[in-house]
N, C-alpha and C. Protein backbone atom coordinates (compact mmCIF):
# COMPACT_ATOMS: atom_id res chain seq x y z
N MET A 1 41.61 28.52 12.96
CA MET A 1 43.00 28.55 12.54
C MET A 1 43.86 29.20 13.63
N ALA A 2 43.31 30.23 14.29
CA ALA A 2 44.07 30.90 15.34
C ALA A 2 44.33 29.96 16.51
N LYS A 3 43.45 28.98 16.69
CA LYS A 3 43.59 28.02 17.77
C LYS A 3 44.82 27.13 17.58
N TRP A 4 45.17 26.85 16.30
CA TRP A 4 46.32 26.00 15.98
C TRP A 4 47.22 26.74 14.99
N PRO A 5 47.97 27.73 15.43
CA PRO A 5 48.73 28.56 14.48
C PRO A 5 49.94 27.88 13.84
N ASN A 6 50.45 26.82 14.42
CA ASN A 6 51.70 26.24 13.93
C ASN A 6 51.54 24.81 13.41
N VAL A 7 50.40 24.49 12.84
CA VAL A 7 50.20 23.17 12.27
C VAL A 7 50.97 23.09 10.95
N PRO A 8 51.87 22.12 10.82
CA PRO A 8 52.67 22.07 9.57
C PRO A 8 51.85 21.61 8.37
N ASP A 9 52.23 22.11 7.20
CA ASP A 9 51.63 21.65 5.96
C ASP A 9 52.05 20.21 5.71
N CYS A 10 51.26 19.51 4.92
CA CYS A 10 51.50 18.11 4.62
C CYS A 10 51.79 17.95 3.13
N TYR A 11 52.85 17.24 2.79
CA TYR A 11 53.27 17.05 1.40
C TYR A 11 53.37 15.57 1.08
N GLY A 12 52.93 15.19 -0.13
CA GLY A 12 53.14 13.84 -0.62
C GLY A 12 52.09 12.81 -0.25
N TRP A 13 51.14 13.17 0.60
CA TRP A 13 50.21 12.18 1.13
C TRP A 13 48.89 12.07 0.38
N LEU A 14 48.59 13.00 -0.52
CA LEU A 14 47.33 12.97 -1.25
C LEU A 14 47.61 13.20 -2.73
N GLY A 15 47.01 12.36 -3.58
CA GLY A 15 47.22 12.48 -5.01
C GLY A 15 45.90 12.50 -5.77
N LEU A 16 45.92 13.16 -6.93
CA LEU A 16 44.78 13.19 -7.85
C LEU A 16 45.25 12.61 -9.17
N ASP A 17 44.63 11.50 -9.61
CA ASP A 17 45.09 10.88 -10.86
C ASP A 17 44.40 11.48 -12.08
N MET A 18 44.77 11.01 -13.25
CA MET A 18 44.26 11.60 -14.49
C MET A 18 42.82 11.17 -14.81
N ARG A 19 42.20 10.43 -13.91
CA ARG A 19 40.80 10.06 -14.07
C ARG A 19 39.93 10.72 -13.00
N GLY A 20 40.55 11.63 -12.21
CA GLY A 20 39.80 12.35 -11.19
C GLY A 20 39.61 11.60 -9.90
N ASN A 21 40.42 10.57 -9.66
CA ASN A 21 40.34 9.79 -8.44
C ASN A 21 41.39 10.27 -7.44
N TRP A 22 40.98 10.30 -6.17
CA TRP A 22 41.88 10.69 -5.08
C TRP A 22 42.58 9.46 -4.52
N PHE A 23 43.85 9.63 -4.16
CA PHE A 23 44.63 8.54 -3.58
C PHE A 23 45.34 9.01 -2.32
N MET A 24 45.28 8.17 -1.28
CA MET A 24 46.04 8.40 -0.06
C MET A 24 47.38 7.68 -0.25
N ARG A 25 48.47 8.45 -0.11
CA ARG A 25 49.81 7.92 -0.35
C ARG A 25 50.55 7.74 0.97
N ASP A 26 50.56 6.53 1.47
CA ASP A 26 51.26 6.27 2.72
C ASP A 26 52.78 6.29 2.47
N GLU A 27 53.55 6.02 3.50
CA GLU A 27 55.01 6.07 3.38
C GLU A 27 55.54 5.10 2.33
N ALA A 28 54.94 3.92 2.22
CA ALA A 28 55.40 2.94 1.23
C ALA A 28 55.16 3.46 -0.19
N ALA A 29 54.00 4.06 -0.44
CA ALA A 29 53.70 4.60 -1.77
C ALA A 29 54.65 5.74 -2.10
N GLN A 30 54.91 6.60 -1.15
CA GLN A 30 55.83 7.71 -1.38
C GLN A 30 57.25 7.22 -1.65
N ALA A 31 57.64 6.16 -0.94
CA ALA A 31 59.01 5.64 -1.09
C ALA A 31 59.24 4.99 -2.46
N CYS A 32 58.18 4.52 -3.11
CA CYS A 32 58.38 3.83 -4.39
C CYS A 32 58.54 4.79 -5.56
N GLY A 33 58.27 6.08 -5.35
CA GLY A 33 58.50 7.04 -6.43
C GLY A 33 57.42 8.08 -6.57
N GLN A 34 57.55 8.86 -7.64
CA GLN A 34 56.60 9.93 -7.94
C GLN A 34 55.19 9.38 -8.15
N PHE A 35 54.20 10.20 -7.84
CA PHE A 35 52.80 9.81 -8.01
C PHE A 35 52.49 9.49 -9.47
N ASP A 36 53.08 10.21 -10.40
CA ASP A 36 52.78 9.99 -11.82
C ASP A 36 53.70 8.98 -12.49
N ALA A 37 54.44 8.21 -11.70
CA ALA A 37 55.43 7.28 -12.25
C ALA A 37 54.81 6.03 -12.89
N ASN A 38 53.55 5.74 -12.63
CA ASN A 38 52.88 4.54 -13.16
C ASN A 38 53.57 3.25 -12.77
N LEU A 39 54.24 3.25 -11.64
CA LEU A 39 54.84 2.03 -11.09
C LEU A 39 53.88 1.43 -10.08
N PRO A 40 53.85 0.10 -9.96
CA PRO A 40 52.94 -0.52 -8.98
C PRO A 40 53.17 0.03 -7.57
N GLY A 41 52.09 0.41 -6.93
CA GLY A 41 52.15 0.88 -5.56
C GLY A 41 52.44 2.35 -5.38
N CYS A 42 52.86 3.05 -6.41
CA CYS A 42 53.23 4.47 -6.27
C CYS A 42 52.04 5.39 -6.04
N LYS A 43 50.89 5.01 -6.55
CA LYS A 43 49.72 5.87 -6.35
C LYS A 43 49.21 5.81 -4.92
N GLY A 44 49.31 4.66 -4.28
CA GLY A 44 48.77 4.49 -2.94
C GLY A 44 47.40 3.86 -3.00
N SER A 45 46.55 4.18 -2.05
CA SER A 45 45.21 3.58 -1.94
C SER A 45 44.15 4.57 -2.40
N GLU A 46 43.31 4.11 -3.32
CA GLU A 46 42.25 4.99 -3.82
C GLU A 46 41.22 5.24 -2.73
N LEU A 47 40.85 6.51 -2.57
CA LEU A 47 39.81 6.87 -1.61
C LEU A 47 38.45 6.52 -2.21
N ARG A 48 37.62 5.88 -1.41
CA ARG A 48 36.30 5.47 -1.89
C ARG A 48 35.17 6.00 -1.01
N HIS A 49 35.50 6.58 0.13
CA HIS A 49 34.49 7.07 1.05
C HIS A 49 33.87 8.35 0.49
N GLU A 50 32.61 8.27 0.11
CA GLU A 50 31.92 9.36 -0.59
C GLU A 50 31.96 10.68 0.18
N LYS A 51 31.70 10.65 1.48
CA LYS A 51 31.68 11.89 2.28
C LYS A 51 33.08 12.49 2.38
N LEU A 52 34.12 11.67 2.48
CA LEU A 52 35.49 12.18 2.52
C LEU A 52 35.85 12.83 1.19
N ILE A 53 35.48 12.20 0.08
CA ILE A 53 35.74 12.75 -1.25
C ILE A 53 35.02 14.09 -1.42
N GLU A 54 33.78 14.18 -0.96
CA GLU A 54 33.03 15.43 -1.03
C GLU A 54 33.69 16.51 -0.18
N PHE A 55 34.18 16.14 1.01
CA PHE A 55 34.85 17.07 1.90
C PHE A 55 36.13 17.61 1.25
N ILE A 56 36.90 16.74 0.65
CA ILE A 56 38.11 17.17 -0.05
C ILE A 56 37.73 18.14 -1.17
N GLY A 57 36.72 17.80 -1.95
CA GLY A 57 36.29 18.64 -3.06
C GLY A 57 35.86 20.03 -2.62
N ARG A 58 35.15 20.11 -1.50
CA ARG A 58 34.69 21.42 -0.99
C ARG A 58 35.86 22.28 -0.53
N ASN A 59 36.96 21.67 -0.19
CA ASN A 59 38.10 22.38 0.39
C ASN A 59 39.34 22.31 -0.49
N TYR A 60 39.15 22.12 -1.79
CA TYR A 60 40.23 21.99 -2.76
C TYR A 60 40.46 23.35 -3.41
N ALA A 61 41.70 23.83 -3.35
CA ALA A 61 42.02 25.15 -3.88
C ALA A 61 43.50 25.21 -4.23
N ALA A 62 43.91 26.34 -4.75
CA ALA A 62 45.33 26.56 -5.10
C ALA A 62 45.84 27.80 -4.40
N ASN A 63 47.14 27.81 -4.13
CA ASN A 63 47.76 29.01 -3.58
C ASN A 63 48.31 29.86 -4.74
N ALA A 64 48.93 30.96 -4.43
CA ALA A 64 49.44 31.88 -5.45
C ALA A 64 50.57 31.28 -6.28
N GLN A 65 51.23 30.25 -5.77
CA GLN A 65 52.32 29.59 -6.50
C GLN A 65 51.81 28.48 -7.43
N GLY A 66 50.50 28.25 -7.47
CA GLY A 66 49.93 27.21 -8.33
C GLY A 66 50.00 25.82 -7.73
N GLN A 67 50.21 25.75 -6.42
CA GLN A 67 50.21 24.47 -5.72
C GLN A 67 48.79 24.21 -5.23
N TRP A 68 48.25 23.05 -5.59
CA TRP A 68 46.89 22.70 -5.20
C TRP A 68 46.93 21.96 -3.88
N PHE A 69 45.91 22.21 -3.06
CA PHE A 69 45.87 21.62 -1.73
C PHE A 69 44.44 21.39 -1.29
N PHE A 70 44.32 20.61 -0.26
CA PHE A 70 43.07 20.35 0.43
C PHE A 70 43.24 20.99 1.81
N GLN A 71 42.37 21.95 2.14
CA GLN A 71 42.44 22.61 3.44
C GLN A 71 41.70 21.76 4.44
N ASN A 72 42.44 21.16 5.36
CA ASN A 72 41.88 20.27 6.37
C ASN A 72 42.02 20.95 7.73
N GLY A 73 41.03 21.79 8.07
CA GLY A 73 41.13 22.57 9.29
C GLY A 73 42.31 23.53 9.16
N PRO A 74 43.22 23.51 10.12
CA PRO A 74 44.36 24.42 10.06
C PRO A 74 45.49 23.93 9.15
N GLN A 75 45.36 22.72 8.65
CA GLN A 75 46.45 22.12 7.87
C GLN A 75 46.13 22.12 6.37
N ARG A 76 47.15 22.47 5.58
CA ARG A 76 47.05 22.33 4.13
C ARG A 76 47.72 21.02 3.73
N VAL A 77 46.95 20.19 3.04
CA VAL A 77 47.46 18.93 2.52
C VAL A 77 47.67 19.14 1.03
N PHE A 78 48.92 19.30 0.62
CA PHE A 78 49.22 19.58 -0.78
C PHE A 78 49.03 18.32 -1.62
N VAL A 79 48.54 18.51 -2.85
CA VAL A 79 48.12 17.41 -3.71
C VAL A 79 49.15 17.14 -4.81
N GLU A 80 49.51 15.88 -4.95
CA GLU A 80 50.33 15.41 -6.06
C GLU A 80 49.39 15.22 -7.25
N LEU A 81 49.71 15.83 -8.38
CA LEU A 81 48.86 15.74 -9.57
C LEU A 81 49.49 14.81 -10.58
N GLN A 82 48.75 13.81 -11.02
CA GLN A 82 49.25 12.95 -12.09
C GLN A 82 49.26 13.71 -13.40
N ALA A 83 48.28 14.57 -13.59
CA ALA A 83 48.18 15.31 -14.85
C ALA A 83 47.95 16.79 -14.60
N THR A 84 46.75 17.17 -14.23
CA THR A 84 46.35 18.57 -14.06
C THR A 84 45.52 18.71 -12.78
N PRO A 85 45.28 19.94 -12.34
CA PRO A 85 44.51 20.13 -11.10
C PRO A 85 43.02 19.83 -11.23
N LEU A 86 42.50 19.85 -12.44
CA LEU A 86 41.09 19.55 -12.67
C LEU A 86 40.98 18.46 -13.73
N ILE A 87 40.01 17.59 -13.56
CA ILE A 87 39.72 16.55 -14.55
C ILE A 87 38.28 16.78 -15.00
N TRP A 88 38.11 16.95 -16.31
CA TRP A 88 36.80 17.29 -16.88
C TRP A 88 36.06 16.05 -17.31
N ARG A 89 34.73 16.07 -17.13
CA ARG A 89 33.83 15.01 -17.60
C ARG A 89 32.73 15.63 -18.43
N LEU A 90 32.54 15.09 -19.62
CA LEU A 90 31.44 15.51 -20.50
C LEU A 90 30.20 14.68 -20.18
N GLN A 91 29.07 15.35 -20.11
CA GLN A 91 27.80 14.68 -19.89
C GLN A 91 27.17 14.37 -21.26
N THR A 92 26.11 13.60 -21.29
CA THR A 92 25.49 13.23 -22.57
C THR A 92 24.94 14.44 -23.33
N ASP A 93 24.60 15.51 -22.61
CA ASP A 93 24.10 16.73 -23.26
C ASP A 93 25.23 17.73 -23.56
N ASN A 94 26.48 17.27 -23.46
CA ASN A 94 27.70 18.06 -23.68
C ASN A 94 27.99 19.07 -22.56
N ALA A 95 27.23 19.03 -21.48
CA ALA A 95 27.59 19.85 -20.32
C ALA A 95 28.91 19.31 -19.76
N LEU A 96 29.70 20.20 -19.20
CA LEU A 96 31.02 19.82 -18.70
C LEU A 96 31.08 20.05 -17.20
N HIS A 97 31.56 19.02 -16.48
CA HIS A 97 31.74 19.12 -15.03
C HIS A 97 33.18 18.76 -14.69
N ASP A 98 33.69 19.34 -13.59
CA ASP A 98 35.00 18.91 -13.13
C ASP A 98 34.85 17.69 -12.22
N HIS A 99 35.96 17.12 -11.79
CA HIS A 99 35.92 15.91 -10.97
C HIS A 99 35.26 16.13 -9.61
N ILE A 100 35.05 17.39 -9.26
CA ILE A 100 34.36 17.71 -8.01
C ILE A 100 32.85 17.79 -8.23
N GLY A 101 32.45 17.97 -9.51
CA GLY A 101 31.03 18.03 -9.84
C GLY A 101 30.53 19.40 -10.22
N ARG A 102 31.42 20.38 -10.31
CA ARG A 102 31.01 21.75 -10.65
C ARG A 102 30.85 21.91 -12.16
N LEU A 103 29.80 22.61 -12.56
CA LEU A 103 29.52 22.88 -13.97
C LEU A 103 30.49 23.95 -14.47
N ALA A 104 31.01 23.76 -15.69
CA ALA A 104 31.99 24.70 -16.25
C ALA A 104 31.66 25.02 -17.70
N GLN A 105 32.24 26.14 -18.16
CA GLN A 105 32.10 26.56 -19.55
C GLN A 105 33.48 26.55 -20.20
N VAL A 106 33.58 25.91 -21.35
CA VAL A 106 34.85 25.81 -22.07
C VAL A 106 35.19 27.15 -22.71
N GLN A 107 36.45 27.55 -22.56
CA GLN A 107 36.95 28.78 -23.18
C GLN A 107 37.92 28.46 -24.32
N ALA A 108 38.73 27.40 -24.15
CA ALA A 108 39.70 27.02 -25.17
C ALA A 108 40.13 25.58 -24.90
N CYS A 109 40.74 24.95 -25.92
CA CYS A 109 41.22 23.58 -25.71
C CYS A 109 42.57 23.37 -26.40
N TRP A 110 43.28 22.36 -25.93
CA TRP A 110 44.61 22.00 -26.44
C TRP A 110 44.70 20.49 -26.57
N LEU A 111 45.44 20.06 -27.56
CA LEU A 111 45.71 18.64 -27.79
C LEU A 111 47.22 18.45 -27.73
N ASP A 112 47.68 17.52 -26.87
CA ASP A 112 49.12 17.34 -26.73
C ASP A 112 49.65 16.26 -27.67
N GLU A 113 50.95 16.04 -27.61
CA GLU A 113 51.62 15.09 -28.50
C GLU A 113 51.22 13.64 -28.26
N LEU A 114 50.57 13.36 -27.13
CA LEU A 114 50.11 12.00 -26.82
C LEU A 114 48.62 11.81 -27.11
N GLY A 115 47.96 12.87 -27.58
CA GLY A 115 46.53 12.78 -27.87
C GLY A 115 45.63 13.11 -26.71
N HIS A 116 46.18 13.65 -25.62
CA HIS A 116 45.35 14.08 -24.49
C HIS A 116 44.74 15.44 -24.81
N LEU A 117 43.49 15.62 -24.41
CA LEU A 117 42.79 16.87 -24.66
C LEU A 117 42.64 17.63 -23.34
N TYR A 118 43.05 18.89 -23.35
CA TYR A 118 43.00 19.76 -22.18
C TYR A 118 42.03 20.90 -22.46
N LEU A 119 41.33 21.33 -21.40
CA LEU A 119 40.36 22.40 -21.55
C LEU A 119 40.64 23.51 -20.56
N GLN A 120 40.64 24.74 -21.05
CA GLN A 120 40.65 25.91 -20.19
C GLN A 120 39.20 26.32 -20.05
N CYS A 121 38.72 26.37 -18.83
CA CYS A 121 37.32 26.69 -18.57
C CYS A 121 37.24 27.84 -17.58
N ASP A 122 36.04 28.30 -17.34
CA ASP A 122 35.85 29.37 -16.38
C ASP A 122 36.30 28.98 -14.97
N LEU A 123 36.36 27.69 -14.67
CA LEU A 123 36.81 27.22 -13.36
C LEU A 123 38.31 26.94 -13.31
N GLY A 124 38.97 26.90 -14.46
CA GLY A 124 40.40 26.62 -14.49
C GLY A 124 40.79 25.68 -15.61
N PHE A 125 42.00 25.16 -15.50
CA PHE A 125 42.60 24.32 -16.54
C PHE A 125 42.59 22.86 -16.10
N GLY A 126 42.30 21.96 -17.04
CA GLY A 126 42.32 20.55 -16.69
C GLY A 126 42.32 19.64 -17.90
N LEU A 127 42.46 18.37 -17.61
CA LEU A 127 42.49 17.29 -18.60
C LEU A 127 41.10 16.71 -18.78
N LEU A 128 40.73 16.44 -20.02
CA LEU A 128 39.46 15.74 -20.27
C LEU A 128 39.66 14.27 -19.97
N HIS A 129 38.72 13.67 -19.27
CA HIS A 129 38.76 12.25 -18.92
C HIS A 129 38.85 11.42 -20.19
N SER A 130 39.66 10.37 -20.17
CA SER A 130 39.88 9.54 -21.37
C SER A 130 38.60 8.90 -21.89
N GLN A 131 37.64 8.61 -21.03
CA GLN A 131 36.40 7.98 -21.48
C GLN A 131 35.50 8.94 -22.27
N ASP A 132 35.84 10.22 -22.26
CA ASP A 132 35.02 11.22 -22.95
C ASP A 132 35.63 11.68 -24.28
N MET A 133 36.68 11.02 -24.71
CA MET A 133 37.39 11.46 -25.92
C MET A 133 36.57 11.27 -27.20
N LEU A 134 35.77 10.22 -27.31
CA LEU A 134 34.94 10.03 -28.51
C LEU A 134 33.94 11.18 -28.65
N GLN A 135 33.29 11.52 -27.56
CA GLN A 135 32.33 12.61 -27.56
C GLN A 135 33.04 13.94 -27.87
N ALA A 136 34.24 14.13 -27.31
CA ALA A 136 35.01 15.35 -27.59
C ALA A 136 35.41 15.41 -29.05
N ALA A 137 35.79 14.27 -29.63
CA ALA A 137 36.16 14.24 -31.05
C ALA A 137 34.99 14.68 -31.92
N GLN A 138 33.78 14.31 -31.54
CA GLN A 138 32.60 14.74 -32.28
C GLN A 138 32.41 16.25 -32.19
N LEU A 139 32.69 16.82 -31.02
CA LEU A 139 32.59 18.28 -30.86
C LEU A 139 33.64 18.99 -31.70
N ILE A 140 34.82 18.39 -31.80
CA ILE A 140 35.89 18.96 -32.63
C ILE A 140 35.52 18.86 -34.11
N GLU A 141 35.02 17.71 -34.52
CA GLU A 141 34.63 17.53 -35.92
C GLU A 141 33.53 18.51 -36.34
N ARG A 142 32.65 18.85 -35.42
CA ARG A 142 31.57 19.80 -35.71
C ARG A 142 32.03 21.25 -35.59
N GLY A 143 33.30 21.47 -35.22
CA GLY A 143 33.85 22.81 -35.13
C GLY A 143 33.49 23.55 -33.85
N ILE A 144 32.87 22.86 -32.90
CA ILE A 144 32.50 23.50 -31.63
C ILE A 144 33.75 23.76 -30.79
N TRP A 145 34.66 22.80 -30.77
CA TRP A 145 35.94 22.97 -30.11
C TRP A 145 37.02 22.97 -31.18
N GLN A 146 38.00 23.84 -31.04
CA GLN A 146 39.11 23.94 -31.99
C GLN A 146 40.42 23.87 -31.21
N PRO A 147 40.99 22.67 -31.10
CA PRO A 147 42.17 22.53 -30.25
C PRO A 147 43.42 23.21 -30.81
N ASN A 148 44.19 23.78 -29.88
CA ASN A 148 45.51 24.31 -30.16
C ASN A 148 46.52 23.21 -29.89
N GLU A 149 47.69 23.35 -30.42
CA GLU A 149 48.76 22.37 -30.18
C GLU A 149 49.38 22.65 -28.82
N ALA A 150 49.69 21.57 -28.08
CA ALA A 150 50.31 21.70 -26.76
C ALA A 150 51.38 20.63 -26.59
N PHE A 151 52.30 20.90 -25.70
CA PHE A 151 53.33 19.93 -25.32
C PHE A 151 53.17 19.68 -23.83
N GLN A 152 52.94 18.42 -23.49
CA GLN A 152 52.61 18.03 -22.13
C GLN A 152 53.58 18.61 -21.09
N ALA A 153 54.86 18.55 -21.36
CA ALA A 153 55.86 19.01 -20.39
C ALA A 153 55.77 20.52 -20.12
N GLN A 154 55.22 21.28 -21.03
CA GLN A 154 55.14 22.74 -20.88
C GLN A 154 53.86 23.21 -20.19
N LEU A 155 52.87 22.32 -20.07
CA LEU A 155 51.56 22.73 -19.56
C LEU A 155 51.59 23.30 -18.13
N PRO A 156 52.31 22.68 -17.17
CA PRO A 156 52.31 23.28 -15.83
C PRO A 156 52.81 24.72 -15.82
N HIS A 157 53.86 25.00 -16.53
CA HIS A 157 54.37 26.38 -16.58
C HIS A 157 53.39 27.29 -17.33
N GLN A 158 52.88 26.81 -18.46
CA GLN A 158 51.98 27.61 -19.28
C GLN A 158 50.69 27.97 -18.54
N PHE A 159 50.17 27.03 -17.73
CA PHE A 159 48.88 27.25 -17.07
C PHE A 159 49.00 27.46 -15.56
N GLY A 160 50.24 27.57 -15.06
CA GLY A 160 50.46 27.99 -13.69
C GLY A 160 50.07 27.03 -12.60
N TYR A 161 50.40 25.75 -12.75
CA TYR A 161 50.15 24.80 -11.67
C TYR A 161 51.41 23.96 -11.42
N VAL A 162 51.48 23.41 -10.23
CA VAL A 162 52.62 22.60 -9.81
C VAL A 162 52.14 21.16 -9.63
N LYS A 163 52.76 20.23 -10.35
CA LYS A 163 52.33 18.83 -10.26
C LYS A 163 52.74 18.17 -8.95
N SER A 164 53.88 18.54 -8.40
CA SER A 164 54.36 17.91 -7.19
C SER A 164 54.89 18.97 -6.21
N PRO A 165 53.99 19.55 -5.41
CA PRO A 165 54.43 20.56 -4.45
C PRO A 165 55.45 19.97 -3.48
N GLN A 166 56.43 20.78 -3.13
CA GLN A 166 57.48 20.34 -2.23
C GLN A 166 57.53 21.24 -1.00
N LEU A 167 57.96 20.67 0.10
CA LEU A 167 58.18 21.44 1.32
C LEU A 167 59.18 22.54 1.03
N PRO A 168 58.86 23.80 1.33
CA PRO A 168 59.80 24.89 1.05
C PRO A 168 61.11 24.73 1.83
N LEU A 169 62.21 25.12 1.21
CA LEU A 169 63.49 25.08 1.89
C LEU A 169 63.54 26.18 2.94
N LYS A 170 64.10 25.86 4.09
CA LYS A 170 64.23 26.88 5.15
C LYS A 170 65.37 27.80 4.81
N GLN A 171 65.16 29.06 5.05
CA GLN A 171 66.18 30.08 4.76
C GLN A 171 67.18 30.17 5.89
């Protein structure tokens, strides 16, 4: 890092969707609108290179302001979040992993007005993958998980994350 002290941060070029997929957002994707806009072309190109995805996962973190980024050498590439910074996947034995593959323990859960289920875990806050909702419903019916009520628009503030980090204004 000392070798390259003035490498600028990068904004808008990397996105994480609500299914845990990474997207490279070129200038055309950025120009068409917000990452979470669900408009054709706004997400960009899905990353499929396994080693690149693993590299991003190993270097994925948040700063004190709740902005998530990928540390790429001296440069921070801030991530556009479609939903939350972590996407949870339930395994057949009810073990829970994040989209990076790390094992987690559930501490609490929330259900929003659209029926999305969110989990606070020892690794952080995130959205449960839509394909795991039937299994999650069974855990709720058995009383293992007891969801609290949530409102989607309030979640970033409530759980301290930024969906769309922006370049700071110069003073």
